[in-house]
Amino acid sequence: MDGPARGALPAVVLTEICAPWVVLTVGSVHLGRRVGSTAWGAATAAGLGVLPQSAIAWRVRRRALSDHHVTRREDRPLVIAGIAVSVATLLAAQHRRGAPDELRRMTRAALIALGVAGAATLRVKVSFHTAVLSGVVAVLARELSPRYWRLLTLVPPVAWARVRISHHTPLETAAGAAIGLACGYLGGGRRGTRVEASTVPVSARTP
């Protein structure tokens, strides 16, 4: 391995650990457990993260996409549209089957962010790494506890990683973070400070 490649290894590792599908999967499962619905947390994780990423991986194997991060901007509109279908289907199922409000709002926030980021991608290759990370943090902070805002400290290192391996510019990572934060904040939670979900009986929360 040459010098530049070796120097980029931390950025590559951080890019994979904080990939959008990983953050969405972990965030959904965590939120589901905290609101007393592990099953819906897993279902939300599948609809937001696992299934879309599986479809992307399948298309990469068929050489329809360059890589699993969809780094070519021209490939992104169709991918975003496909993910939006998965997320919209999940949201409809959540409403029909009575999923917890917290998970519905997380899915709603993801759908809004997809629309905004998708529109922005027509002009600039918005970073979905920073968008998803900041968006999930905002949802968790709004739905569970303001203490989750501290996780925003992860956004700058992830932005650095995306720039370091030449997948994005600083502007693109900043745009992603701003879009994710705004959509996550507006889509998640009905007030700025929520009582810790673990201290509130399921029967006492609004269905």
N, C-alpha and C. Protein backbone atom coordinates (compact mmCIF):
# COMPACT_ATOMS: atom_id res chain seq x y z
N MET A 1 0.85 -1.19 0.00
CA MET A 1 0.00 0.00 0.00
C MET A 1 0.88 1.24 0.00
N ASP A 2 0.58 2.20 -0.87
CA ASP A 2 1.42 3.38 -0.95
C ASP A 2 1.08 4.35 0.17
N GLY A 3 1.91 5.43 0.28
CA GLY A 3 1.77 6.39 1.35
C GLY A 3 0.42 7.06 1.41
N PRO A 4 -0.07 7.69 0.31
CA PRO A 4 -1.36 8.36 0.35
C PRO A 4 -2.51 7.43 0.70
N ALA A 5 -2.47 6.20 0.14
CA ALA A 5 -3.55 5.26 0.44
C ALA A 5 -3.54 4.88 1.91
N ARG A 6 -2.34 4.64 2.46
CA ARG A 6 -2.21 4.29 3.86
C ARG A 6 -2.68 5.44 4.73
N GLY A 7 -2.37 6.65 4.35
CA GLY A 7 -2.80 7.81 5.12
C GLY A 7 -4.29 8.01 5.09
N ALA A 8 -4.96 7.50 4.06
CA ALA A 8 -6.41 7.66 3.94
C ALA A 8 -7.18 6.56 4.66
N LEU A 9 -6.48 5.55 5.19
CA LEU A 9 -7.17 4.42 5.81
C LEU A 9 -8.12 4.83 6.92
N PRO A 10 -7.75 5.72 7.85
CA PRO A 10 -8.71 6.13 8.89
C PRO A 10 -9.98 6.74 8.30
N ALA A 11 -9.82 7.50 7.23
CA ALA A 11 -10.99 8.10 6.58
C ALA A 11 -11.88 7.04 5.95
N VAL A 12 -11.27 6.03 5.37
CA VAL A 12 -12.05 4.94 4.76
C VAL A 12 -12.82 4.18 5.83
N VAL A 13 -12.15 3.88 6.94
CA VAL A 13 -12.80 3.16 8.04
C VAL A 13 -13.95 3.97 8.61
N LEU A 14 -13.74 5.25 8.83
CA LEU A 14 -14.79 6.10 9.37
C LEU A 14 -15.96 6.21 8.41
N THR A 15 -15.66 6.26 7.12
CA THR A 15 -16.71 6.31 6.10
C THR A 15 -17.60 5.07 6.16
N GLU A 16 -17.00 3.91 6.38
CA GLU A 16 -17.78 2.67 6.42
C GLU A 16 -18.55 2.54 7.73
N ILE A 17 -17.92 2.89 8.84
CA ILE A 17 -18.59 2.77 10.14
C ILE A 17 -19.79 3.70 10.23
N CYS A 18 -19.66 4.89 9.65
CA CYS A 18 -20.73 5.88 9.70
C CYS A 18 -21.48 5.99 8.38
N ALA A 19 -21.51 4.91 7.62
CA ALA A 19 -22.28 4.90 6.37
C ALA A 19 -23.74 5.16 6.68
N PRO A 20 -24.48 5.82 5.80
CA PRO A 20 -25.88 6.15 6.08
C PRO A 20 -26.72 4.96 6.51
N TRP A 21 -26.57 3.82 5.83
CA TRP A 21 -27.41 2.68 6.18
C TRP A 21 -27.08 2.15 7.58
N VAL A 22 -25.82 2.25 7.98
CA VAL A 22 -25.43 1.81 9.32
C VAL A 22 -26.03 2.73 10.37
N VAL A 23 -25.92 4.04 10.16
CA VAL A 23 -26.44 5.01 11.12
C VAL A 23 -27.96 4.89 11.23
N LEU A 24 -28.65 4.71 10.11
CA LEU A 24 -30.10 4.56 10.13
C LEU A 24 -30.53 3.28 10.83
N THR A 25 -29.79 2.20 10.58
CA THR A 25 -30.11 0.93 11.21
C THR A 25 -29.93 1.00 12.72
N VAL A 26 -28.77 1.49 13.15
CA VAL A 26 -28.49 1.59 14.58
C VAL A 26 -29.46 2.56 15.25
N GLY A 27 -29.68 3.71 14.62
CA GLY A 27 -30.58 4.70 15.20
C GLY A 27 -32.00 4.20 15.34
N SER A 28 -32.49 3.49 14.34
CA SER A 28 -33.87 2.97 14.38
C SER A 28 -34.03 1.90 15.46
N VAL A 29 -33.08 0.98 15.53
CA VAL A 29 -33.15 -0.07 16.55
C VAL A 29 -33.07 0.54 17.95
N HIS A 30 -32.19 1.51 18.12
CA HIS A 30 -32.05 2.16 19.42
C HIS A 30 -33.33 2.88 19.81
N LEU A 31 -33.91 3.64 18.89
CA LEU A 31 -35.14 4.37 19.19
C LEU A 31 -36.27 3.40 19.50
N GLY A 32 -36.36 2.33 18.72
CA GLY A 32 -37.39 1.34 18.98
C GLY A 32 -37.28 0.73 20.37
N ARG A 33 -36.08 0.41 20.78
CA ARG A 33 -35.88 -0.16 22.13
C ARG A 33 -36.24 0.84 23.20
N ARG A 34 -35.87 2.10 22.99
CA ARG A 34 -36.12 3.11 24.02
C ARG A 34 -37.61 3.43 24.18
N VAL A 35 -38.39 3.25 23.13
CA VAL A 35 -39.83 3.53 23.25
C VAL A 35 -40.64 2.25 23.47
N GLY A 36 -39.95 1.15 23.73
CA GLY A 36 -40.63 -0.09 24.07
C GLY A 36 -41.19 -0.87 22.91
N SER A 37 -40.58 -0.72 21.73
CA SER A 37 -41.06 -1.47 20.56
C SER A 37 -39.88 -1.94 19.73
N THR A 38 -39.23 -2.99 20.21
CA THR A 38 -38.06 -3.53 19.52
C THR A 38 -38.41 -4.01 18.11
N ALA A 39 -39.59 -4.62 17.98
CA ALA A 39 -39.99 -5.14 16.67
C ALA A 39 -40.15 -4.03 15.65
N TRP A 40 -40.81 -2.93 16.04
CA TRP A 40 -40.96 -1.82 15.11
C TRP A 40 -39.62 -1.13 14.86
N GLY A 41 -38.75 -1.15 15.85
CA GLY A 41 -37.42 -0.59 15.63
C GLY A 41 -36.68 -1.37 14.57
N ALA A 42 -36.78 -2.70 14.62
CA ALA A 42 -36.13 -3.55 13.62
C ALA A 42 -36.76 -3.36 12.24
N ALA A 43 -38.09 -3.25 12.21
CA ALA A 43 -38.77 -3.05 10.92
C ALA A 43 -38.39 -1.71 10.31
N THR A 44 -38.29 -0.69 11.14
CA THR A 44 -37.89 0.63 10.66
C THR A 44 -36.46 0.60 10.15
N ALA A 45 -35.60 -0.10 10.87
CA ALA A 45 -34.20 -0.24 10.44
C ALA A 45 -34.13 -0.92 9.08
N ALA A 46 -34.97 -1.92 8.87
CA ALA A 46 -34.97 -2.62 7.59
C ALA A 46 -35.42 -1.69 6.45
N GLY A 47 -36.50 -0.95 6.69
CA GLY A 47 -37.03 -0.09 5.64
C GLY A 47 -36.18 1.12 5.33
N LEU A 48 -35.51 1.66 6.36
CA LEU A 48 -34.69 2.85 6.16
C LEU A 48 -33.26 2.53 5.74
N GLY A 49 -32.73 1.42 6.25
CA GLY A 49 -31.31 1.16 6.03
C GLY A 49 -30.97 -0.12 5.29
N VAL A 50 -31.41 -1.25 5.82
CA VAL A 50 -30.95 -2.54 5.31
C VAL A 50 -31.44 -2.81 3.88
N LEU A 51 -32.74 -2.66 3.65
CA LEU A 51 -33.28 -2.98 2.32
C LEU A 51 -32.76 -2.03 1.23
N PRO A 52 -32.75 -0.71 1.47
CA PRO A 52 -32.18 0.17 0.43
C PRO A 52 -30.72 -0.14 0.13
N GLN A 53 -29.93 -0.42 1.17
CA GLN A 53 -28.52 -0.71 0.94
C GLN A 53 -28.34 -2.05 0.23
N SER A 54 -29.20 -2.99 0.52
CA SER A 54 -29.14 -4.28 -0.18
C SER A 54 -29.43 -4.10 -1.67
N ALA A 55 -30.38 -3.22 -1.98
CA ALA A 55 -30.70 -2.95 -3.38
C ALA A 55 -29.52 -2.27 -4.08
N ILE A 56 -28.86 -1.36 -3.37
CA ILE A 56 -27.69 -0.70 -3.93
C ILE A 56 -26.57 -1.71 -4.18
N ALA A 57 -26.33 -2.58 -3.20
CA ALA A 57 -25.28 -3.59 -3.35
C ALA A 57 -25.57 -4.51 -4.53
N TRP A 58 -26.84 -4.87 -4.72
CA TRP A 58 -27.23 -5.72 -5.85
C TRP A 58 -26.93 -5.02 -7.16
N ARG A 59 -27.23 -3.73 -7.24
CA ARG A 59 -26.97 -2.98 -8.47
C ARG A 59 -25.47 -2.81 -8.72
N VAL A 60 -24.69 -2.71 -7.64
CA VAL A 60 -23.24 -2.64 -7.80
C VAL A 60 -22.71 -3.94 -8.39
N ARG A 61 -23.22 -5.06 -7.90
CA ARG A 61 -22.79 -6.37 -8.42
C ARG A 61 -23.14 -6.51 -9.90
N ARG A 62 -24.23 -5.89 -10.31
CA ARG A 62 -24.64 -5.95 -11.72
C ARG A 62 -23.98 -4.85 -12.55
N ARG A 63 -23.07 -4.10 -11.90
CA ARG A 63 -22.33 -3.02 -12.55
C ARG A 63 -23.22 -1.88 -13.04
N ALA A 64 -24.37 -1.74 -12.40
CA ALA A 64 -25.26 -0.62 -12.72
C ALA A 64 -24.88 0.61 -11.92
N LEU A 65 -24.11 0.42 -10.84
CA LEU A 65 -23.61 1.53 -10.03
C LEU A 65 -22.11 1.35 -9.83
N SER A 66 -21.42 2.46 -9.61
CA SER A 66 -19.97 2.41 -9.49
C SER A 66 -19.51 1.78 -8.18
N ASP A 67 -20.21 2.06 -7.10
CA ASP A 67 -19.80 1.56 -5.78
C ASP A 67 -20.96 1.70 -4.81
N HIS A 68 -20.80 1.11 -3.62
CA HIS A 68 -21.92 1.08 -2.67
C HIS A 68 -22.18 2.41 -1.99
N HIS A 69 -21.32 3.41 -2.21
CA HIS A 69 -21.59 4.76 -1.69
C HIS A 69 -22.19 5.66 -2.76
N VAL A 70 -22.37 5.14 -3.96
CA VAL A 70 -22.96 5.88 -5.09
C VAL A 70 -22.26 7.24 -5.23
N THR A 71 -20.98 7.19 -5.51
CA THR A 71 -20.19 8.42 -5.54
C THR A 71 -20.40 9.26 -6.80
N ARG A 72 -20.92 8.65 -7.88
CA ARG A 72 -21.17 9.43 -9.09
C ARG A 72 -22.50 10.16 -8.95
N ARG A 73 -22.46 11.49 -9.08
CA ARG A 73 -23.68 12.28 -8.88
C ARG A 73 -24.77 11.91 -9.86
N GLU A 74 -24.39 11.56 -11.09
CA GLU A 74 -25.39 11.24 -12.09
C GLU A 74 -26.16 9.96 -11.77
N ASP A 75 -25.60 9.11 -10.90
CA ASP A 75 -26.30 7.89 -10.50
C ASP A 75 -27.30 8.12 -9.37
N ARG A 76 -27.18 9.24 -8.71
CA ARG A 76 -27.92 9.43 -7.46
C ARG A 76 -29.42 9.66 -7.60
N PRO A 77 -29.91 10.42 -8.59
CA PRO A 77 -31.36 10.65 -8.64
C PRO A 77 -32.19 9.38 -8.66
N LEU A 78 -31.81 8.40 -9.46
CA LEU A 78 -32.57 7.16 -9.53
C LEU A 78 -32.48 6.38 -8.21
N VAL A 79 -31.29 6.39 -7.60
CA VAL A 79 -31.11 5.70 -6.33
C VAL A 79 -31.97 6.36 -5.25
N ILE A 80 -31.95 7.69 -5.21
CA ILE A 80 -32.74 8.42 -4.22
C ILE A 80 -34.23 8.13 -4.41
N ALA A 81 -34.68 8.08 -5.66
CA ALA A 81 -36.08 7.77 -5.94
C ALA A 81 -36.45 6.38 -5.43
N GLY A 82 -35.56 5.42 -5.63
CA GLY A 82 -35.82 4.06 -5.15
C GLY A 82 -35.89 3.99 -3.64
N ILE A 83 -34.97 4.70 -2.98
CA ILE A 83 -34.99 4.72 -1.52
C ILE A 83 -36.26 5.40 -1.01
N ALA A 84 -36.68 6.46 -1.70
CA ALA A 84 -37.90 7.17 -1.29
C ALA A 84 -39.11 6.24 -1.34
N VAL A 85 -39.16 5.36 -2.34
CA VAL A 85 -40.26 4.40 -2.42
C VAL A 85 -40.25 3.48 -1.21
N SER A 86 -39.06 3.00 -0.84
CA SER A 86 -38.94 2.12 0.33
C SER A 86 -39.38 2.84 1.60
N VAL A 87 -38.95 4.08 1.76
CA VAL A 87 -39.27 4.84 2.97
C VAL A 87 -40.77 5.17 3.00
N ALA A 88 -41.34 5.55 1.87
CA ALA A 88 -42.77 5.86 1.82
C ALA A 88 -43.61 4.61 2.12
N THR A 89 -43.17 3.46 1.62
CA THR A 89 -43.87 2.21 1.90
C THR A 89 -43.81 1.88 3.38
N LEU A 90 -42.65 2.09 3.97
CA LEU A 90 -42.50 1.88 5.41
C LEU A 90 -43.42 2.80 6.20
N LEU A 91 -43.47 4.07 5.82
CA LEU A 91 -44.30 5.03 6.54
C LEU A 91 -45.78 4.64 6.47
N ALA A 92 -46.21 4.20 5.29
CA ALA A 92 -47.60 3.76 5.13
C ALA A 92 -47.89 2.55 6.03
N ALA A 93 -46.95 1.61 6.07
CA ALA A 93 -47.12 0.42 6.92
C ALA A 93 -47.15 0.81 8.40
N GLN A 94 -46.32 1.75 8.77
CA GLN A 94 -46.31 2.21 10.17
C GLN A 94 -47.65 2.82 10.56
N HIS A 95 -48.22 3.61 9.68
CA HIS A 95 -49.52 4.21 9.97
C HIS A 95 -50.62 3.15 10.02
N ARG A 96 -50.58 2.22 9.09
CA ARG A 96 -51.62 1.18 9.04
C ARG A 96 -51.56 0.26 10.25
N ARG A 97 -50.35 -0.09 10.65
CA ARG A 97 -50.17 -1.10 11.70
C ARG A 97 -49.98 -0.50 13.09
N GLY A 98 -50.04 0.80 13.20
CA GLY A 98 -49.97 1.43 14.52
C GLY A 98 -48.59 1.43 15.16
N ALA A 99 -47.58 1.75 14.38
CA ALA A 99 -46.23 1.85 14.94
C ALA A 99 -46.15 3.03 15.92
N PRO A 100 -45.21 3.01 16.84
CA PRO A 100 -45.06 4.14 17.78
C PRO A 100 -44.85 5.46 17.04
N ASP A 101 -45.42 6.51 17.58
CA ASP A 101 -45.31 7.83 16.96
C ASP A 101 -43.86 8.23 16.74
N GLU A 102 -42.98 7.89 17.69
CA GLU A 102 -41.58 8.29 17.59
C GLU A 102 -40.93 7.72 16.33
N LEU A 103 -41.23 6.47 16.03
CA LEU A 103 -40.66 5.84 14.85
C LEU A 103 -41.32 6.35 13.56
N ARG A 104 -42.58 6.67 13.64
CA ARG A 104 -43.23 7.28 12.47
C ARG A 104 -42.58 8.62 12.13
N ARG A 105 -42.32 9.40 13.18
CA ARG A 105 -41.71 10.71 12.92
C ARG A 105 -40.28 10.57 12.41
N MET A 106 -39.57 9.54 12.85
CA MET A 106 -38.24 9.30 12.33
C MET A 106 -38.30 9.00 10.83
N THR A 107 -39.26 8.16 10.45
CA THR A 107 -39.42 7.82 9.03
C THR A 107 -39.86 9.03 8.23
N ARG A 108 -40.75 9.82 8.80
CA ARG A 108 -41.19 11.04 8.12
C ARG A 108 -40.02 11.99 7.89
N ALA A 109 -39.18 12.14 8.91
CA ALA A 109 -38.00 13.01 8.78
C ALA A 109 -37.07 12.51 7.68
N ALA A 110 -36.91 11.17 7.60
CA ALA A 110 -36.05 10.60 6.57
C ALA A 110 -36.61 10.87 5.18
N LEU A 111 -37.92 10.78 5.04
CA LEU A 111 -38.54 11.02 3.74
C LEU A 111 -38.40 12.49 3.32
N ILE A 112 -38.59 13.39 4.27
CA ILE A 112 -38.42 14.82 3.98
C ILE A 112 -36.98 15.11 3.58
N ALA A 113 -36.03 14.55 4.33
CA ALA A 113 -34.61 14.78 4.04
C ALA A 113 -34.24 14.24 2.66
N LEU A 114 -34.80 13.09 2.30
CA LEU A 114 -34.54 12.53 0.98
C LEU A 114 -35.02 13.48 -0.12
N GLY A 115 -36.19 14.05 0.08
CA GLY A 115 -36.72 14.98 -0.91
C GLY A 115 -35.87 16.22 -1.06
N VAL A 116 -35.47 16.80 0.07
CA VAL A 116 -34.66 18.02 0.04
C VAL A 116 -33.28 17.73 -0.53
N ALA A 117 -32.64 16.67 -0.01
CA ALA A 117 -31.30 16.33 -0.49
C ALA A 117 -31.32 15.90 -1.95
N GLY A 118 -32.39 15.21 -2.33
CA GLY A 118 -32.50 14.79 -3.72
C GLY A 118 -32.61 15.97 -4.66
N ALA A 119 -33.39 16.96 -4.27
CA ALA A 119 -33.52 18.16 -5.09
C ALA A 119 -32.19 18.91 -5.16
N ALA A 120 -31.51 19.00 -4.02
CA ALA A 120 -30.22 19.70 -3.98
C ALA A 120 -29.17 18.98 -4.82
N THR A 121 -29.27 17.64 -4.88
CA THR A 121 -28.29 16.85 -5.61
C THR A 121 -28.31 17.13 -7.11
N LEU A 122 -29.40 17.69 -7.59
CA LEU A 122 -29.44 18.05 -9.01
C LEU A 122 -28.41 19.12 -9.33
N ARG A 123 -27.97 19.87 -8.31
CA ARG A 123 -26.98 20.92 -8.52
C ARG A 123 -25.65 20.64 -7.82
N VAL A 124 -25.71 20.02 -6.65
CA VAL A 124 -24.49 19.74 -5.89
C VAL A 124 -24.59 18.36 -5.27
N LYS A 125 -23.48 17.63 -5.21
CA LYS A 125 -23.49 16.25 -4.69
C LYS A 125 -23.48 16.27 -3.16
N VAL A 126 -24.66 16.46 -2.60
CA VAL A 126 -24.80 16.55 -1.15
C VAL A 126 -24.28 15.27 -0.49
N SER A 127 -23.59 15.42 0.63
CA SER A 127 -23.10 14.26 1.37
C SER A 127 -24.22 13.63 2.18
N PHE A 128 -24.57 12.40 1.85
CA PHE A 128 -25.59 11.70 2.62
C PHE A 128 -25.01 11.18 3.94
N HIS A 129 -23.70 11.03 4.00
CA HIS A 129 -23.10 10.63 5.28
C HIS A 129 -23.38 11.67 6.35
N THR A 130 -23.08 12.93 6.05
CA THR A 130 -23.30 13.97 7.06
C THR A 130 -24.79 14.27 7.22
N ALA A 131 -25.57 14.15 6.15
CA ALA A 131 -27.00 14.43 6.24
C ALA A 131 -27.69 13.42 7.16
N VAL A 132 -27.39 12.14 6.95
CA VAL A 132 -28.05 11.10 7.75
C VAL A 132 -27.59 11.16 9.19
N LEU A 133 -26.30 11.33 9.42
CA LEU A 133 -25.79 11.37 10.78
C LEU A 133 -26.40 12.52 11.57
N SER A 134 -26.38 13.72 11.01
CA SER A 134 -26.94 14.86 11.73
C SER A 134 -28.45 14.72 11.88
N GLY A 135 -29.11 14.15 10.87
CA GLY A 135 -30.56 13.98 10.95
C GLY A 135 -30.97 12.99 12.02
N VAL A 136 -30.29 11.86 12.11
CA VAL A 136 -30.61 10.86 13.12
C VAL A 136 -30.34 11.42 14.52
N VAL A 137 -29.25 12.14 14.68
CA VAL A 137 -28.96 12.76 15.98
C VAL A 137 -30.08 13.72 16.37
N ALA A 138 -30.54 14.52 15.42
CA ALA A 138 -31.62 15.47 15.71
C ALA A 138 -32.90 14.75 16.12
N VAL A 139 -33.22 13.68 15.43
CA VAL A 139 -34.43 12.92 15.78
C VAL A 139 -34.31 12.34 17.18
N LEU A 140 -33.18 11.73 17.49
CA LEU A 140 -32.99 11.14 18.82
C LEU A 140 -33.04 12.20 19.92
N ALA A 141 -32.46 13.36 19.63
CA ALA A 141 -32.47 14.45 20.60
C ALA A 141 -33.88 14.97 20.84
N ARG A 142 -34.67 15.05 19.79
CA ARG A 142 -36.04 15.54 19.91
C ARG A 142 -36.96 14.50 20.54
N GLU A 143 -36.75 13.24 20.19
CA GLU A 143 -37.66 12.19 20.65
C GLU A 143 -37.32 11.65 22.04
N LEU A 144 -36.03 11.64 22.38
CA LEU A 144 -35.62 10.99 23.62
C LEU A 144 -35.06 11.95 24.66
N SER A 145 -33.98 12.65 24.32
CA SER A 145 -33.33 13.51 25.30
C SER A 145 -32.38 14.48 24.61
N PRO A 146 -32.30 15.72 25.07
CA PRO A 146 -31.36 16.68 24.50
C PRO A 146 -29.90 16.24 24.61
N ARG A 147 -29.64 15.27 25.47
CA ARG A 147 -28.26 14.79 25.62
C ARG A 147 -27.72 14.21 24.31
N TYR A 148 -28.60 13.76 23.44
CA TYR A 148 -28.14 13.20 22.16
C TYR A 148 -27.52 14.24 21.25
N TRP A 149 -27.76 15.53 21.52
CA TRP A 149 -27.12 16.55 20.69
C TRP A 149 -25.61 16.43 20.71
N ARG A 150 -25.07 15.85 21.79
CA ARG A 150 -23.62 15.71 21.89
C ARG A 150 -23.04 14.85 20.78
N LEU A 151 -23.87 14.00 20.20
CA LEU A 151 -23.39 13.14 19.11
C LEU A 151 -23.08 13.93 17.84
N LEU A 152 -23.49 15.18 17.79
CA LEU A 152 -23.15 16.01 16.63
C LEU A 152 -21.64 16.21 16.50
N THR A 153 -20.91 15.93 17.58
CA THR A 153 -19.45 16.03 17.51
C THR A 153 -18.87 15.01 16.54
N LEU A 154 -19.66 14.02 16.16
CA LEU A 154 -19.20 13.03 15.17
C LEU A 154 -19.26 13.56 13.75
N VAL A 155 -20.05 14.59 13.52
CA VAL A 155 -20.24 15.07 12.15
C VAL A 155 -18.96 15.62 11.53
N PRO A 156 -18.20 16.50 12.23
CA PRO A 156 -16.96 17.01 11.60
C PRO A 156 -15.97 15.92 11.21
N PRO A 157 -15.71 14.90 12.06
CA PRO A 157 -14.79 13.84 11.61
C PRO A 157 -15.31 13.09 10.38
N VAL A 158 -16.60 12.85 10.32
CA VAL A 158 -17.16 12.17 9.15
C VAL A 158 -17.03 13.06 7.91
N ALA A 159 -17.29 14.35 8.08
CA ALA A 159 -17.12 15.28 6.96
C ALA A 159 -15.67 15.28 6.49
N TRP A 160 -14.75 15.30 7.43
CA TRP A 160 -13.32 15.25 7.07
C TRP A 160 -13.00 13.99 6.28
N ALA A 161 -13.56 12.86 6.73
CA ALA A 161 -13.29 11.58 6.06
C ALA A 161 -13.78 11.60 4.62
N ARG A 162 -14.97 12.15 4.41
CA ARG A 162 -15.53 12.18 3.06
C ARG A 162 -14.70 13.07 2.13
N VAL A 163 -14.19 14.16 2.68
CA VAL A 163 -13.33 15.05 1.89
C VAL A 163 -11.96 14.40 1.68
N ARG A 164 -11.46 13.74 2.71
CA ARG A 164 -10.12 13.14 2.65
C ARG A 164 -10.00 12.10 1.55
N ILE A 165 -11.06 11.34 1.32
CA ILE A 165 -10.99 10.31 0.28
C ILE A 165 -11.58 10.81 -1.05
N SER A 166 -11.76 12.14 -1.12
CA SER A 166 -12.18 12.81 -2.37
C SER A 166 -13.55 12.40 -2.87
N HIS A 167 -14.45 12.05 -1.96
CA HIS A 167 -15.82 11.75 -2.37
C HIS A 167 -16.70 13.00 -2.33
N HIS A 168 -16.27 14.01 -1.56
CA HIS A 168 -17.04 15.24 -1.43
C HIS A 168 -16.11 16.42 -1.21
N THR A 169 -16.68 17.61 -1.41
CA THR A 169 -15.99 18.85 -1.06
C THR A 169 -16.48 19.29 0.32
N PRO A 170 -15.77 20.21 0.97
CA PRO A 170 -16.27 20.72 2.26
C PRO A 170 -17.67 21.31 2.15
N LEU A 171 -17.96 21.99 1.04
CA LEU A 171 -19.29 22.57 0.85
C LEU A 171 -20.36 21.48 0.80
N GLU A 172 -20.06 20.38 0.14
CA GLU A 172 -21.04 19.30 0.02
C GLU A 172 -21.31 18.62 1.36
N THR A 173 -20.28 18.47 2.17
CA THR A 173 -20.49 17.88 3.49
C THR A 173 -21.26 18.84 4.40
N ALA A 174 -20.96 20.13 4.29
CA ALA A 174 -21.67 21.13 5.09
C ALA A 174 -23.14 21.20 4.69
N ALA A 175 -23.41 21.13 3.39
CA ALA A 175 -24.79 21.15 2.90
C ALA A 175 -25.55 19.94 3.42
N GLY A 176 -24.92 18.77 3.38
CA GLY A 176 -25.57 17.57 3.89
C GLY A 176 -25.90 17.69 5.37
N ALA A 177 -24.95 18.17 6.16
CA ALA A 177 -25.18 18.31 7.60
C ALA A 177 -26.34 19.27 7.88
N ALA A 178 -26.38 20.38 7.14
CA ALA A 178 -27.44 21.38 7.35
C ALA A 178 -28.81 20.81 6.99
N ILE A 179 -28.87 20.11 5.86
CA ILE A 179 -30.15 19.52 5.44
C ILE A 179 -30.62 18.46 6.44
N GLY A 180 -29.71 17.58 6.83
CA GLY A 180 -30.09 16.53 7.78
C GLY A 180 -30.53 17.09 9.11
N LEU A 181 -29.81 18.08 9.61
CA LEU A 181 -30.14 18.67 10.90
C LEU A 181 -31.51 19.34 10.86
N ALA A 182 -31.76 20.11 9.82
CA ALA A 182 -33.04 20.81 9.71
C ALA A 182 -34.20 19.83 9.56
N CYS A 183 -34.05 18.85 8.69
CA CYS A 183 -35.13 17.90 8.46
C CYS A 183 -35.36 17.00 9.66
N GLY A 184 -34.28 16.59 10.32
CA GLY A 184 -34.41 15.76 11.51
C GLY A 184 -35.07 16.51 12.65
N TYR A 185 -34.72 17.77 12.79
CA TYR A 185 -35.29 18.58 13.87
C TYR A 185 -36.76 18.85 13.64
N LEU A 186 -37.11 19.21 12.40
CA LEU A 186 -38.51 19.52 12.10
C LEU A 186 -39.37 18.27 12.02
N GLY A 187 -38.79 17.18 11.57
CA GLY A 187 -39.56 15.95 11.41
C GLY A 187 -39.70 15.15 12.68
N GLY A 188 -38.76 15.30 13.60
CA GLY A 188 -38.80 14.50 14.82
C GLY A 188 -39.20 15.31 16.03
N GLY A 189 -40.12 14.76 16.82
CA GLY A 189 -40.49 15.40 18.08
C GLY A 189 -41.53 16.49 17.91
N ARG A 190 -42.30 16.70 18.95
CA ARG A 190 -43.32 17.73 18.92
C ARG A 190 -42.99 18.89 19.85
N ARG A 191 -41.87 18.76 20.56
CA ARG A 191 -41.43 19.86 21.41
C ARG A 191 -39.94 19.74 21.59
N GLY A 192 -39.31 20.80 22.04
CA GLY A 192 -37.86 20.85 22.11
C GLY A 192 -37.26 19.92 23.13
N THR A 193 -37.94 19.69 24.27
CA THR A 193 -37.40 18.84 25.32
C THR A 193 -38.43 17.78 25.65
N ARG A 194 -38.01 16.53 25.59
CA ARG A 194 -38.91 15.42 25.90
C ARG A 194 -38.45 14.71 27.16
N VAL A 195 -39.42 14.13 27.88
CA VAL A 195 -39.08 13.32 29.04
C VAL A 195 -38.41 12.06 28.55
N GLU A 196 -37.43 11.55 29.29
CA GLU A 196 -36.76 10.31 28.91
C GLU A 196 -37.80 9.22 28.69
N ALA A 197 -37.74 8.58 27.53
CA ALA A 197 -38.74 7.57 27.18
C ALA A 197 -38.73 6.40 28.15
N SER A 198 -37.55 6.08 28.68
CA SER A 198 -37.44 4.92 29.57
C SER A 198 -38.17 5.15 30.88
N THR A 199 -38.47 6.40 31.25
CA THR A 199 -39.11 6.69 32.53
C THR A 199 -40.62 6.81 32.38
N VAL A 200 -41.15 6.70 31.16
CA VAL A 200 -42.56 6.86 30.93
C VAL A 200 -43.16 5.53 30.52
N PRO A 201 -44.14 5.02 31.24
CA PRO A 201 -44.77 3.75 30.86
C PRO A 201 -45.36 3.85 29.47
N VAL A 202 -45.29 2.74 28.74
CA VAL A 202 -45.82 2.73 27.38
C VAL A 202 -47.27 3.14 27.36
N SER A 203 -48.05 2.69 28.35
CA SER A 203 -49.48 2.97 28.40
C SER A 203 -49.77 4.45 28.62
N ALA A 204 -48.77 5.19 29.14
CA ALA A 204 -48.98 6.60 29.45
C ALA A 204 -48.62 7.51 28.30
N ARG A 205 -47.99 6.93 27.24
CA ARG A 205 -47.59 7.77 26.12
C ARG A 205 -48.67 7.79 25.06
N THR A 206 -48.73 8.89 24.31
CA THR A 206 -49.72 9.02 23.25
C THR A 206 -49.45 8.00 22.16
N PRO A 207 -50.43 7.19 21.78
CA PRO A 207 -50.21 6.17 20.74
C PRO A 207 -50.06 6.80 19.38
